[in-house]
C-alpha atoms as a PDB file:
ATOM      1  CA  MET A   1      -5.455 -10.647   4.005  1.00  0.00           C
ATOM      2  CA  GLN A   2      -4.217 -13.839   3.202  1.00  0.00           C
ATOM      3  CA  ASN A   3      -1.914 -15.137  -0.169  1.00  0.00           C
ATOM      4  CA  ALA A   4      -2.681 -17.686  -2.294  1.00  0.00           C
ATOM      5  CA  ASN A   5      -0.354 -20.276   0.297  1.00  0.00           C
ATOM      6  CA  SER A   6      -2.725 -19.239   2.239  1.00  0.00           C
ATOM      7  CA  GLU A   7       0.374 -17.378   4.716  1.00  0.00           C
ATOM      8  CA  PRO A   8       0.244 -14.379   6.100  1.00  0.00           C
ATOM      9  CA  MET A   9       1.419 -11.713   4.380  1.00  0.00           C
ATOM     10  CA  PHE A  10       3.022  -9.982   7.386  1.00  0.00           C
ATOM     11  CA  GLN A  11       3.842 -11.471  10.515  1.00  0.00           C
ATOM     12  CA  ILE A  12       3.813  -9.874  13.959  1.00  0.00           C
ATOM     13  CA  PRO A  13       6.418 -11.397  16.017  1.00  0.00           C
ATOM     14  CA  SER A  14       6.859  -8.629  18.952  1.00  0.00           C
ATOM     15  CA  PRO A  15       5.195  -5.091  18.961  1.00  0.00           C
ATOM     16  CA  SER A  16       8.683  -3.441  17.402  1.00  0.00           C
ATOM     17  CA  VAL A  17       9.336  -6.241  14.289  1.00  0.00           C
ATOM     18  CA  LEU A  18       7.547  -6.608  11.034  1.00  0.00           C
ATOM     19  CA  SER A  19       8.236  -9.030   8.860  1.00  0.00           C
ATOM     20  CA  ILE A  20       7.183  -8.476   5.342  1.00  0.00           C
ATOM     21  CA  ASP A  21       6.775 -11.338   2.755  1.00  0.00           C
ATOM     22  CA  GLY A  22       8.664 -10.503  -0.426  1.00  0.00           C
ATOM     23  CA  SER A  23       6.455  -9.713  -3.324  1.00  0.00           C
ATOM     24  CA  ALA A  24       4.468  -7.742  -1.002  1.00  0.00           C
ATOM     25  CA  MET A  25       7.687  -5.774  -0.231  1.00  0.00           C
ATOM     26  CA  LYS A  26       8.259  -5.452  -4.731  1.00  0.00           C
ATOM     27  CA  ALA A  27       4.857  -3.771  -4.527  1.00  0.00           C
ATOM     28  CA  LEU A  28       5.437  -1.668  -2.041  1.00  0.00           C
ATOM     29  CA  LYS A  29       8.501  -0.820  -3.778  1.00  0.00           C
ATOM     30  CA  ILE A  30       7.121  -0.204  -6.771  1.00  0.00           C
ATOM     31  CA  ALA A  31       4.515   2.230  -5.662  1.00  0.00           C
ATOM     32  CA  CYS A  32       6.756   4.142  -3.056  1.00  0.00           C
ATOM     33  CA  ASP A  33       8.548   4.612  -6.700  1.00  0.00           C
ATOM     34  CA  ASP A  34       6.300   6.340  -7.820  1.00  0.00           C
ATOM     35  CA  PHE A  35       4.826   8.243  -4.796  1.00  0.00           C
ATOM     36  CA  VAL A  36       8.347   9.643  -4.078  1.00  0.00           C
ATOM     37  CA  LYS A  37       8.203  11.635  -7.772  1.00  0.00           C
ATOM     38  CA  SER A  38       5.244  13.489  -6.419  1.00  0.00           C
ATOM     39  CA  GLY A  39       7.419  15.618  -3.940  1.00  0.00           C
ATOM     40  CA  LYS A  40       5.471  14.495  -0.959  1.00  0.00           C
ATOM     41  CA  ASP A  41       7.904  12.847   1.972  1.00  0.00           C
ATOM     42  CA  VAL A  42       6.116   9.313   2.934  1.00  0.00           C
ATOM     43  CA  ARG A  43       6.891   9.929   6.570  1.00  0.00           C
ATOM     44  CA  GLU A  44       4.015  12.448   6.843  1.00  0.00           C
ATOM     45  CA  PHE A  45       1.842   8.985   5.524  1.00  0.00           C
ATOM     46  CA  THR A  46       0.258   6.511   6.243  1.00  0.00           C
ATOM     47  CA  ILE A  47       0.578   3.438   4.123  1.00  0.00           C
ATOM     48  CA  THR A  48      -1.452  -0.036   3.502  1.00  0.00           C
ATOM     49  CA  ILE A  49      -0.579  -3.277   1.873  1.00  0.00           C
ATOM     50  CA  SER A  50      -3.510  -5.718   0.888  1.00  0.00           C
ATOM     51  CA  GLU A  51      -3.676  -8.662  -1.197  1.00  0.00           C
ATOM     52  CA  LYS A  52      -6.280  -9.174  -3.880  1.00  0.00           C
ATOM     53  CA  THR A  53      -6.226 -12.728  -5.609  1.00  0.00           C
ATOM     54  CA  ASP A  54      -8.621 -14.423  -8.165  1.00  0.00           C
ATOM     55  CA  LYS A  55     -11.145 -16.571  -7.086  1.00  0.00           C
ATOM     56  CA  ASN A  56     -10.053 -18.601 -10.355  1.00  0.00           C
ATOM     57  CA  LYS A  57      -6.573 -18.564  -9.493  1.00  0.00           C
ATOM     58  CA  ASN A  58      -6.187 -16.653 -12.864  1.00  0.00           C
ATOM     59  CA  ASP A  59      -3.066 -15.140 -12.079  1.00  0.00           C
ATOM     60  CA  SER A  60      -3.688 -12.180 -14.546  1.00  0.00           C
ATOM     61  CA  ASN A  61      -6.100 -10.606 -12.177  1.00  0.00           C
ATOM     62  CA  ASP A  62      -3.870 -11.114  -9.018  1.00  0.00           C
ATOM     63  CA  ILE A  63      -2.945  -7.386  -7.503  1.00  0.00           C
ATOM     64  CA  PHE A  64      -1.424  -5.641  -4.764  1.00  0.00           C
ATOM     65  CA  ILE A  65      -3.345  -2.648  -3.242  1.00  0.00           C
ATOM     66  CA  VAL A  66      -0.903   0.258  -1.772  1.00  0.00           C
ATOM     67  CA  THR A  67      -2.386   3.176  -0.228  1.00  0.00           C
ATOM     68  CA  PHE A  68      -0.932   6.277   0.914  1.00  0.00           C
ATOM     69  CA  MET A  69      -3.176   7.910   3.474  1.00  0.00           C
ATOM     70  CA  GLY A  70      -1.865  11.517   4.543  1.00  0.00           C
ATOM     71  CA  LYS A  71      -1.478  10.996   9.159  1.00  0.00           C
ATOM     72  CA  LEU A  72      -3.624  13.356  10.913  1.00  0.00           C
ATOM     73  CA  SER A  73      -1.679  16.451  12.358  1.00  0.00           C
ATOM     74  CA  PRO A  74      -1.788  16.009  16.382  1.00  0.00           C
ATOM     75  CA  GLY A  75      -4.700  16.742  17.793  1.00  0.00           C
ATOM     76  CA  LYS A  76      -6.480  16.649  15.440  1.00  0.00           C
ATOM     77  CA  ARG A  77      -9.780  14.584  13.976  1.00  0.00           C
ATOM     78  CA  GLY A  78     -11.555  14.650  10.807  1.00  0.00           C
ATOM     79  CA  LEU A  79     -11.377  14.823   6.850  1.00  0.00           C
ATOM     80  CA  GLY A  80      -9.525  17.716   4.490  1.00  0.00           C
ATOM     81  CA  THR A  81      -7.675  20.468   6.585  1.00  0.00           C
ATOM     82  CA  ALA A  82      -7.169  18.427  10.010  1.00  0.00           C
ATOM     83  CA  ASN A  83      -4.352  15.879   7.691  1.00  0.00           C
ATOM     84  CA  ARG A  84      -0.548  17.182   8.109  1.00  0.00           C
ATOM     85  CA  ALA A  85      -0.145  15.867   4.369  1.00  0.00           C
ATOM     86  CA  PRO A  86      -3.176  16.326   2.466  1.00  0.00           C
ATOM     87  CA  GLY A  87      -4.110  13.720  -0.076  1.00  0.00           C
ATOM     88  CA  SER A  88      -3.994  10.261  -0.230  1.00  0.00           C
ATOM     89  CA  VAL A  89      -3.341   7.561  -3.388  1.00  0.00           C
ATOM     90  CA  THR A  90      -3.846   4.063  -4.335  1.00  0.00           C
ATOM     91  CA  TYR A  91      -1.790   1.809  -6.214  1.00  0.00           C
ATOM     92  CA  PHE A  92      -3.276  -1.247  -7.844  1.00  0.00           C
ATOM     93  CA  ILE A  93      -0.219  -2.749  -8.631  1.00  0.00           C
ATOM     94  CA  SER A  94      -0.093  -7.011 -10.976  1.00  0.00           C
ATOM     95  CA  LYS A  95       1.402  -9.184  -9.491  1.00  0.00           C
ATOM     96  CA  GLU A  96       1.871 -10.812 -13.023  1.00  0.00           C
ATOM     97  CA  GLU A  97       3.461  -7.701 -14.757  1.00  0.00           C
ATOM     98  CA  TRP A  98       4.776  -6.120 -12.016  1.00  0.00           C
ATOM     99  CA  LYS A  99       3.406  -2.603 -12.261  1.00  0.00           C
ATOM    100  CA  ILE A 100       1.053  -0.394 -11.453  1.00  0.00           C
ATOM    101  CA  ILE A 101      -2.419  -1.021 -13.400  1.00  0.00           C
ATOM    102  CA  LYS A 102      -4.001   1.946 -11.707  1.00  0.00           C
ATOM    103  CA  GLU A 103      -4.107   4.546  -9.545  1.00  0.00           C
ATOM    104  CA  GLN A 104      -6.423   6.712  -8.079  1.00  0.00           C
ATOM    105  CA  GLY A 105      -6.573   9.303  -5.314  1.00  0.00           C
ATOM    106  CA  ILE A 106      -4.514  13.055  -5.183  1.00  0.00           C
ATOM    107  CA  LYS A 107      -0.492  13.325  -4.813  1.00  0.00           C
END
């Protein structure tokens, strides 16, 4: 997904390097700060981040979506008990107010 400037949010110049846009990092920090309050080990989760912009260019509807999904146990497939860290949570973060406006899932 691309931001309003039509530049990629992430750039991967090599397999061992990840560059992240400053706005995306700010949203990730907001979500991560709330997530760690649950007491779960963030290393047991895969984190995805995407950006949703209003087609009408109304900044009040522009958000980042950050999801923490429990990693699968080695050799396991599927859902439920296959996850080392059960549960997932998705945060919707306003780009205008830089705060969590909605949270979905189970911590």
